[in-house]
Amino acid sequence: MANDVDAMPVAQVEGKITIIPVVEEIVVVEKRLVLVEEMRIRKIATSQGCLSRSPCANRQPQLNDLTNSNREETL
């Protein structure tokens, strides 16, 4: 008999029988998704020439950090 209750039940008397509720407090863990931040990515088309293959092939993408102060300007 495992029923969830909101408050402590009271003892009851039915004829010559006294019913005393026994409760147990348990910890319930809940897992849910919470949005904490959004990343906004904008594609910019550029063309750039290279004299040799190796420097262009090894280039890494450049990421710019958008702070709250200039976020509206870039949108």
PDB file of N, CA and C in Angstrom:
ATOM      1  N   MET A   1       0.853  -1.172   0.000  1.00  0.00           N
ATOM      2  CA  MET A   1       0.000   0.000   0.000  1.00  0.00           C
ATOM      3  C   MET A   1       0.904   1.242   0.000  1.00  0.00           C
ATOM      4  N   ALA A   2       1.215   1.731  -1.170  1.00  0.00           N
ATOM      5  CA  ALA A   2       2.067   2.908  -1.283  1.00  0.00           C
ATOM      6  C   ALA A   2       1.288   3.990  -2.017  1.00  0.00           C
ATOM      7  N   ASN A   3       0.670   4.875  -1.262  1.00  0.00           N
ATOM      8  CA  ASN A   3      -0.100   5.983  -1.833  1.00  0.00           C
ATOM      9  C   ASN A   3       0.590   7.296  -1.490  1.00  0.00           C
ATOM     10  N   ASP A   4       0.715   8.178  -2.473  1.00  0.00           N
ATOM     11  CA  ASP A   4       1.264   9.505  -2.199  1.00  0.00           C
ATOM     12  C   ASP A   4       0.217  10.330  -1.443  1.00  0.00           C
ATOM     13  N   VAL A   5       0.653  11.011  -0.388  1.00  0.00           N
ATOM     14  CA  VAL A   5      -0.245  11.870   0.392  1.00  0.00           C
ATOM     15  C   VAL A   5       0.372  13.255   0.486  1.00  0.00           C
ATOM     16  N   ASP A   6      -0.465  14.266   0.574  1.00  0.00           N
ATOM     17  CA  ASP A   6      -0.002  15.654   0.676  1.00  0.00           C
ATOM     18  C   ASP A   6       0.269  16.068   2.116  1.00  0.00           C
ATOM     19  N   ALA A   7      -0.439  15.454   3.062  1.00  0.00           N
ATOM     20  CA  ALA A   7      -0.297  15.804   4.481  1.00  0.00           C
ATOM     21  C   ALA A   7      -0.320  14.520   5.303  1.00  0.00           C
ATOM     22  N   MET A   8       0.103  14.638   6.541  1.00  0.00           N
ATOM     23  CA  MET A   8       0.124  13.492   7.451  1.00  0.00           C
ATOM     24  C   MET A   8      -1.311  13.054   7.751  1.00  0.00           C
ATOM     25  N   PRO A   9      -1.669  11.799   7.422  1.00  0.00           N
ATOM     26  CA  PRO A   9      -3.020  11.327   7.714  1.00  0.00           C
ATOM     27  C   PRO A   9      -3.231  11.186   9.234  1.00  0.00           C
ATOM     28  N   VAL A  10      -4.467  11.313   9.662  1.00  0.00           N
ATOM     29  CA  VAL A  10      -4.783  11.196  11.098  1.00  0.00           C
ATOM     30  C   VAL A  10      -5.183   9.756  11.417  1.00  0.00           C
ATOM     31  N   ALA A  11      -4.993   9.387  12.650  1.00  0.00           N
ATOM     32  CA  ALA A  11      -5.401   8.054  13.108  1.00  0.00           C
ATOM     33  C   ALA A  11      -6.925   7.971  13.101  1.00  0.00           C
ATOM     34  N   GLN A  12      -7.438   6.773  12.801  1.00  0.00           N
ATOM     35  CA  GLN A  12      -8.885   6.563  12.736  1.00  0.00           C
ATOM     36  C   GLN A  12      -9.276   5.403  13.647  1.00  0.00           C
ATOM     37  N   VAL A  13     -10.492   5.452  14.128  1.00  0.00           N
ATOM     38  CA  VAL A  13     -11.027   4.359  14.947  1.00  0.00           C
ATOM     39  C   VAL A  13     -12.261   3.824  14.237  1.00  0.00           C
ATOM     40  N   GLU A  14     -12.237   2.518  13.951  1.00  0.00           N
ATOM     41  CA  GLU A  14     -13.390   1.843  13.339  1.00  0.00           C
ATOM     42  C   GLU A  14     -13.816   0.709  14.270  1.00  0.00           C
ATOM     43  N   GLY A  15     -14.820   0.961  15.067  1.00  0.00           N
ATOM     44  CA  GLY A  15     -15.270  -0.034  16.048  1.00  0.00           C
ATOM     45  C   GLY A  15     -14.213  -0.236  17.124  1.00  0.00           C
ATOM     46  N   LYS A  16     -13.735  -1.468  17.239  1.00  0.00           N
ATOM     47  CA  LYS A  16     -12.715  -1.770  18.235  1.00  0.00           C
ATOM     48  C   LYS A  16     -11.305  -1.723  17.640  1.00  0.00           C
ATOM     49  N   ILE A  17     -11.184  -1.287  16.385  1.00  0.00           N
ATOM     50  CA  ILE A  17      -9.886  -1.257  15.704  1.00  0.00           C
ATOM     51  C   ILE A  17      -9.422   0.185  15.530  1.00  0.00           C
ATOM     52  N   THR A  18      -8.187   0.463  15.920  1.00  0.00           N
ATOM     53  CA  THR A  18      -7.569   1.773  15.701  1.00  0.00           C
ATOM     54  C   THR A  18      -6.582   1.643  14.542  1.00  0.00           C
ATOM     55  N   ILE A  19      -6.733   2.507  13.555  1.00  0.00           N
ATOM     56  CA  ILE A  19      -5.863   2.492  12.366  1.00  0.00           C
ATOM     57  C   ILE A  19      -4.895   3.658  12.483  1.00  0.00           C
ATOM     58  N   ILE A  20      -3.614   3.347  12.584  1.00  0.00           N
ATOM     59  CA  ILE A  20      -2.569   4.373  12.695  1.00  0.00           C
ATOM     60  C   ILE A  20      -1.762   4.372  11.401  1.00  0.00           C
ATOM     61  N   PRO A  21      -1.775   5.465  10.673  1.00  0.00           N
ATOM     62  CA  PRO A  21      -1.015   5.499   9.421  1.00  0.00           C
ATOM     63  C   PRO A  21       0.492   5.592   9.679  1.00  0.00           C
ATOM     64  N   VAL A  22       1.240   4.895   8.878  1.00  0.00           N
ATOM     65  CA  VAL A  22       2.695   4.933   8.937  1.00  0.00           C
ATOM     66  C   VAL A  22       3.167   5.517   7.606  1.00  0.00           C
ATOM     67  N   VAL A  23       3.937   6.594   7.690  1.00  0.00           N
ATOM     68  CA  VAL A  23       4.399   7.253   6.465  1.00  0.00           C
ATOM     69  C   VAL A  23       5.919   7.204   6.393  1.00  0.00           C
ATOM     70  N   GLU A  24       6.409   7.348   5.208  1.00  0.00           N
ATOM     71  CA  GLU A  24       7.846   7.382   4.958  1.00  0.00           C
ATOM     72  C   GLU A  24       8.115   8.554   4.032  1.00  0.00           C
ATOM     73  N   GLU A  25       9.122   9.332   4.353  1.00  0.00           N
ATOM     74  CA  GLU A  25       9.492  10.467   3.508  1.00  0.00           C
ATOM     75  C   GLU A  25      10.600  10.009   2.567  1.00  0.00           C
ATOM     76  N   ILE A  26      10.388  10.209   1.259  1.00  0.00           N
ATOM     77  CA  ILE A  26      11.389   9.808   0.271  1.00  0.00           C
ATOM     78  C   ILE A  26      11.812  11.012  -0.554  1.00  0.00           C
ATOM     79  N   VAL A  27      12.994  10.946  -1.111  1.00  0.00           N
ATOM     80  CA  VAL A  27      13.509  12.012  -1.969  1.00  0.00           C
ATOM     81  C   VAL A  27      13.199  11.632  -3.411  1.00  0.00           C
ATOM     82  N   VAL A  28      12.628  12.566  -4.155  1.00  0.00           N
ATOM     83  CA  VAL A  28      12.292  12.339  -5.554  1.00  0.00           C
ATOM     84  C   VAL A  28      13.232  13.190  -6.407  1.00  0.00           C
ATOM     85  N   VAL A  29      13.914  12.550  -7.344  1.00  0.00           N
ATOM     86  CA  VAL A  29      14.833  13.252  -8.242  1.00  0.00           C
ATOM     87  C   VAL A  29      14.132  13.436  -9.574  1.00  0.00           C
ATOM     88  N   GLU A  30      14.198  14.648 -10.092  1.00  0.00           N
ATOM     89  CA  GLU A  30      13.535  14.961 -11.351  1.00  0.00           C
ATOM     90  C   GLU A  30      14.581  15.444 -12.340  1.00  0.00           C
ATOM     91  N   LYS A  31      14.542  14.901 -13.538  1.00  0.00           N
ATOM     92  CA  LYS A  31      15.467  15.312 -14.589  1.00  0.00           C
ATOM     93  C   LYS A  31      14.667  16.043 -15.659  1.00  0.00           C
ATOM     94  N   ARG A  32      15.110  17.270 -16.013  1.00  0.00           N
ATOM     95  CA  ARG A  32      14.422  18.033 -17.054  1.00  0.00           C
ATOM     96  C   ARG A  32      15.409  18.941 -17.759  1.00  0.00           C
ATOM     97  N   LEU A  33      15.074  19.362 -18.951  1.00  0.00           N
ATOM     98  CA  LEU A  33      15.916  20.254 -19.734  1.00  0.00           C
ATOM     99  C   LEU A  33      15.573  21.696 -19.410  1.00  0.00           C
ATOM    100  N   VAL A  34      16.600  22.504 -19.217  1.00  0.00           N
ATOM    101  CA  VAL A  34      16.424  23.929 -18.933  1.00  0.00           C
ATOM    102  C   VAL A  34      17.318  24.703 -19.898  1.00  0.00           C
ATOM    103  N   LEU A  35      16.734  25.600 -20.673  1.00  0.00           N
ATOM    104  CA  LEU A  35      17.509  26.414 -21.612  1.00  0.00           C
ATOM    105  C   LEU A  35      18.280  27.465 -20.838  1.00  0.00           C
ATOM    106  N   VAL A  36      19.590  27.468 -20.959  1.00  0.00           N
ATOM    107  CA  VAL A  36      20.419  28.412 -20.219  1.00  0.00           C
ATOM    108  C   VAL A  36      21.084  29.438 -21.129  1.00  0.00           C
ATOM    109  N   GLU A  37      21.191  29.156 -22.407  1.00  0.00           N
ATOM    110  CA  GLU A  37      21.874  30.073 -23.307  1.00  0.00           C
ATOM    111  C   GLU A  37      21.522  29.702 -24.738  1.00  0.00           C
ATOM    112  N   GLU A  38      21.610  30.672 -25.636  1.00  0.00           N
ATOM    113  CA  GLU A  38      21.410  30.421 -27.059  1.00  0.00           C
ATOM    114  C   GLU A  38      22.652  30.865 -27.819  1.00  0.00           C
ATOM    115  N   MET A  39      23.058  30.084 -28.785  1.00  0.00           N
ATOM    116  CA  MET A  39      24.164  30.467 -29.660  1.00  0.00           C
ATOM    117  C   MET A  39      23.569  30.921 -30.983  1.00  0.00           C
ATOM    118  N   ARG A  40      23.992  32.072 -31.441  1.00  0.00           N
ATOM    119  CA  ARG A  40      23.523  32.598 -32.716  1.00  0.00           C
ATOM    120  C   ARG A  40      24.694  32.594 -33.681  1.00  0.00           C
ATOM    121  N   ILE A  41      24.503  31.914 -34.802  1.00  0.00           N
ATOM    122  CA  ILE A  41      25.570  31.745 -35.779  1.00  0.00           C
ATOM    123  C   ILE A  41      25.130  32.394 -37.087  1.00  0.00           C
ATOM    124  N   ARG A  42      25.990  33.228 -37.625  1.00  0.00           N
ATOM    125  CA  ARG A  42      25.692  33.907 -38.878  1.00  0.00           C
ATOM    126  C   ARG A  42      26.726  33.485 -39.911  1.00  0.00           C
ATOM    127  N   LYS A  43      26.277  33.118 -41.100  1.00  0.00           N
ATOM    128  CA  LYS A  43      27.174  32.757 -42.180  1.00  0.00           C
ATOM    129  C   LYS A  43      27.536  34.014 -42.955  1.00  0.00           C
ATOM    130  N   ILE A  44      28.819  34.179 -43.223  1.00  0.00           N
ATOM    131  CA  ILE A  44      29.293  35.323 -44.006  1.00  0.00           C
ATOM    132  C   ILE A  44      30.108  34.768 -45.167  1.00  0.00           C
ATOM    133  N   ALA A  45      29.703  35.081 -46.370  1.00  0.00           N
ATOM    134  CA  ALA A  45      30.416  34.598 -47.552  1.00  0.00           C
ATOM    135  C   ALA A  45      31.624  35.493 -47.807  1.00  0.00           C
ATOM    136  N   THR A  46      32.783  34.877 -47.917  1.00  0.00           N
ATOM    137  CA  THR A  46      34.007  35.600 -48.230  1.00  0.00           C
ATOM    138  C   THR A  46      34.800  34.810 -49.250  1.00  0.00           C
ATOM    139  N   SER A  47      35.634  35.491 -49.978  1.00  0.00           N
ATOM    140  CA  SER A  47      36.553  34.804 -50.890  1.00  0.00           C
ATOM    141  C   SER A  47      37.957  35.287 -50.570  1.00  0.00           C
ATOM    142  N   GLN A  48      38.878  34.340 -50.559  1.00  0.00           N
ATOM    143  CA  GLN A  48      40.246  34.671 -50.204  1.00  0.00           C
ATOM    144  C   GLN A  48      41.164  33.791 -51.036  1.00  0.00           C
ATOM    145  N   GLY A  49      42.110  34.407 -51.693  1.00  0.00           N
ATOM    146  CA  GLY A  49      43.050  33.660 -52.520  1.00  0.00           C
ATOM    147  C   GLY A  49      44.247  33.200 -51.718  1.00  0.00           C
ATOM    148  N   CYS A  50      44.874  32.134 -52.199  1.00  0.00           N
ATOM    149  CA  CYS A  50      46.055  31.594 -51.538  1.00  0.00           C
ATOM    150  C   CYS A  50      47.108  31.291 -52.593  1.00  0.00           C
ATOM    151  N   LEU A  51      48.369  31.545 -52.261  1.00  0.00           N
ATOM    152  CA  LEU A  51      49.442  31.234 -53.185  1.00  0.00           C
ATOM    153  C   LEU A  51      49.833  29.764 -53.117  1.00  0.00           C
ATOM    154  N   SER A  52      49.743  29.159 -51.948  1.00  0.00           N
ATOM    155  CA  SER A  52      50.048  27.738 -51.835  1.00  0.00           C
ATOM    156  C   SER A  52      48.895  27.034 -51.126  1.00  0.00           C
ATOM    157  N   ARG A  53      48.805  25.737 -51.303  1.00  0.00           N
ATOM    158  CA  ARG A  53      47.682  24.990 -50.746  1.00  0.00           C
ATOM    159  C   ARG A  53      47.770  24.815 -49.239  1.00  0.00           C
ATOM    160  N   SER A  54      48.902  24.567 -48.705  1.00  0.00           N
ATOM    161  CA  SER A  54      48.997  24.151 -47.316  1.00  0.00           C
ATOM    162  C   SER A  54      48.513  25.194 -46.307  1.00  0.00           C
ATOM    163  N   PRO A  55      48.793  26.499 -46.410  1.00  0.00           N
ATOM    164  CA  PRO A  55      48.258  27.432 -45.405  1.00  0.00           C
ATOM    165  C   PRO A  55      46.727  27.515 -45.423  1.00  0.00           C
ATOM    166  N   CYS A  56      46.116  27.479 -46.600  1.00  0.00           N
ATOM    167  CA  CYS A  56      44.648  27.561 -46.661  1.00  0.00           C
ATOM    168  C   CYS A  56      43.999  26.290 -46.147  1.00  0.00           C
ATOM    169  N   ALA A  57      44.593  25.148 -46.418  1.00  0.00           N
ATOM    170  CA  ALA A  57      44.013  23.878 -46.003  1.00  0.00           C
ATOM    171  C   ALA A  57      44.044  23.724 -44.484  1.00  0.00           C
ATOM    172  N   ASN A  58      44.994  24.349 -43.813  1.00  0.00           N
ATOM    173  CA  ASN A  58      45.139  24.194 -42.370  1.00  0.00           C
ATOM    174  C   ASN A  58      44.485  25.313 -41.569  1.00  0.00           C
ATOM    175  N   ARG A  59      43.765  26.211 -42.207  1.00  0.00           N
ATOM    176  CA  ARG A  59      43.162  27.335 -41.477  1.00  0.00           C
ATOM    177  C   ARG A  59      42.035  26.846 -40.591  1.00  0.00           C
ATOM    178  N   GLN A  60      41.944  27.424 -39.410  1.00  0.00           N
ATOM    179  CA  GLN A  60      40.890  27.107 -38.456  1.00  0.00           C
ATOM    180  C   GLN A  60      39.787  28.168 -38.551  1.00  0.00           C
ATOM    181  N   PRO A  61      38.530  27.787 -38.275  1.00  0.00           N
ATOM    182  CA  PRO A  61      37.463  28.799 -38.282  1.00  0.00           C
ATOM    183  C   PRO A  61      37.686  29.817 -37.172  1.00  0.00           C
ATOM    184  N   GLN A  62      37.292  31.042 -37.442  1.00  0.00           N
ATOM    185  CA  GLN A  62      37.453  32.116 -36.460  1.00  0.00           C
ATOM    186  C   GLN A  62      36.100  32.397 -35.822  1.00  0.00           C
ATOM    187  N   LEU A  63      36.030  32.302 -34.492  1.00  0.00           N
ATOM    188  CA  LEU A  63      34.792  32.536 -33.755  1.00  0.00           C
ATOM    189  C   LEU A  63      34.903  33.839 -32.991  1.00  0.00           C
ATOM    190  N   ASN A  64      33.870  34.641 -33.054  1.00  0.00           N
ATOM    191  CA  ASN A  64      33.831  35.907 -32.332  1.00  0.00           C
ATOM    192  C   ASN A  64      32.860  35.783 -31.168  1.00  0.00           C
ATOM    193  N   ASP A  65      33.274  36.235 -29.999  1.00  0.00           N
ATOM    194  CA  ASP A  65      32.428  36.194 -28.807  1.00  0.00           C
ATOM    195  C   ASP A  65      31.503  37.405 -28.818  1.00  0.00           C
ATOM    196  N   LEU A  66      30.195  37.158 -28.771  1.00  0.00           N
ATOM    197  CA  LEU A  66      29.211  38.240 -28.747  1.00  0.00           C
ATOM    198  C   LEU A  66      28.754  38.434 -27.309  1.00  0.00           C
ATOM    199  N   THR A  67      29.064  39.561 -26.742  1.00  0.00           N
ATOM    200  CA  THR A  67      28.621  39.845 -25.383  1.00  0.00           C
ATOM    201  C   THR A  67      27.235  40.460 -25.426  1.00  0.00           C
ATOM    202  N   ASN A  68      26.617  40.600 -24.290  1.00  0.00           N
ATOM    203  CA  ASN A  68      25.270  41.176 -24.220  1.00  0.00           C
ATOM    204  C   ASN A  68      25.250  42.611 -24.732  1.00  0.00           C
ATOM    205  N   SER A  69      26.350  43.337 -24.598  1.00  0.00           N
ATOM    206  CA  SER A  69      26.359  44.742 -24.979  1.00  0.00           C
ATOM    207  C   SER A  69      26.253  44.941 -26.490  1.00  0.00           C
ATOM    208  N   ASN A  70      26.807  44.049 -27.285  1.00  0.00           N
ATOM    209  CA  ASN A  70      26.754  44.258 -28.736  1.00  0.00           C
ATOM    210  C   ASN A  70      25.914  43.191 -29.439  1.00  0.00           C
ATOM    211  N   ARG A  71      25.162  42.400 -28.704  1.00  0.00           N
ATOM    212  CA  ARG A  71      24.354  41.345 -29.303  1.00  0.00           C
ATOM    213  C   ARG A  71      23.284  41.927 -30.217  1.00  0.00           C
ATOM    214  N   GLU A  72      22.623  43.014 -29.842  1.00  0.00           N
ATOM    215  CA  GLU A  72      21.574  43.593 -30.659  1.00  0.00           C
ATOM    216  C   GLU A  72      22.130  44.167 -31.960  1.00  0.00           C
ATOM    217  N   GLU A  73      23.358  44.668 -31.936  1.00  0.00           N
ATOM    218  CA  GLU A  73      23.939  45.235 -33.129  1.00  0.00           C
ATOM    219  C   GLU A  73      24.180  44.191 -34.208  1.00  0.00           C
ATOM    220  N   THR A  74      24.469  42.954 -33.818  1.00  0.00           N
ATOM    221  CA  THR A  74      24.805  41.923 -34.784  1.00  0.00           C
ATOM    222  C   THR A  74      23.597  41.171 -35.294  1.00  0.00           C
ATOM    223  N   LEU A  75      22.444  41.332 -34.662  1.00  0.00           N
ATOM    224  CA  LEU A  75      21.258  40.609 -35.090  1.00  0.00           C
ATOM    225  C   LEU A  75      20.599  41.299 -36.195  1.00  0.00           C
TER     226      LEU A  75
END
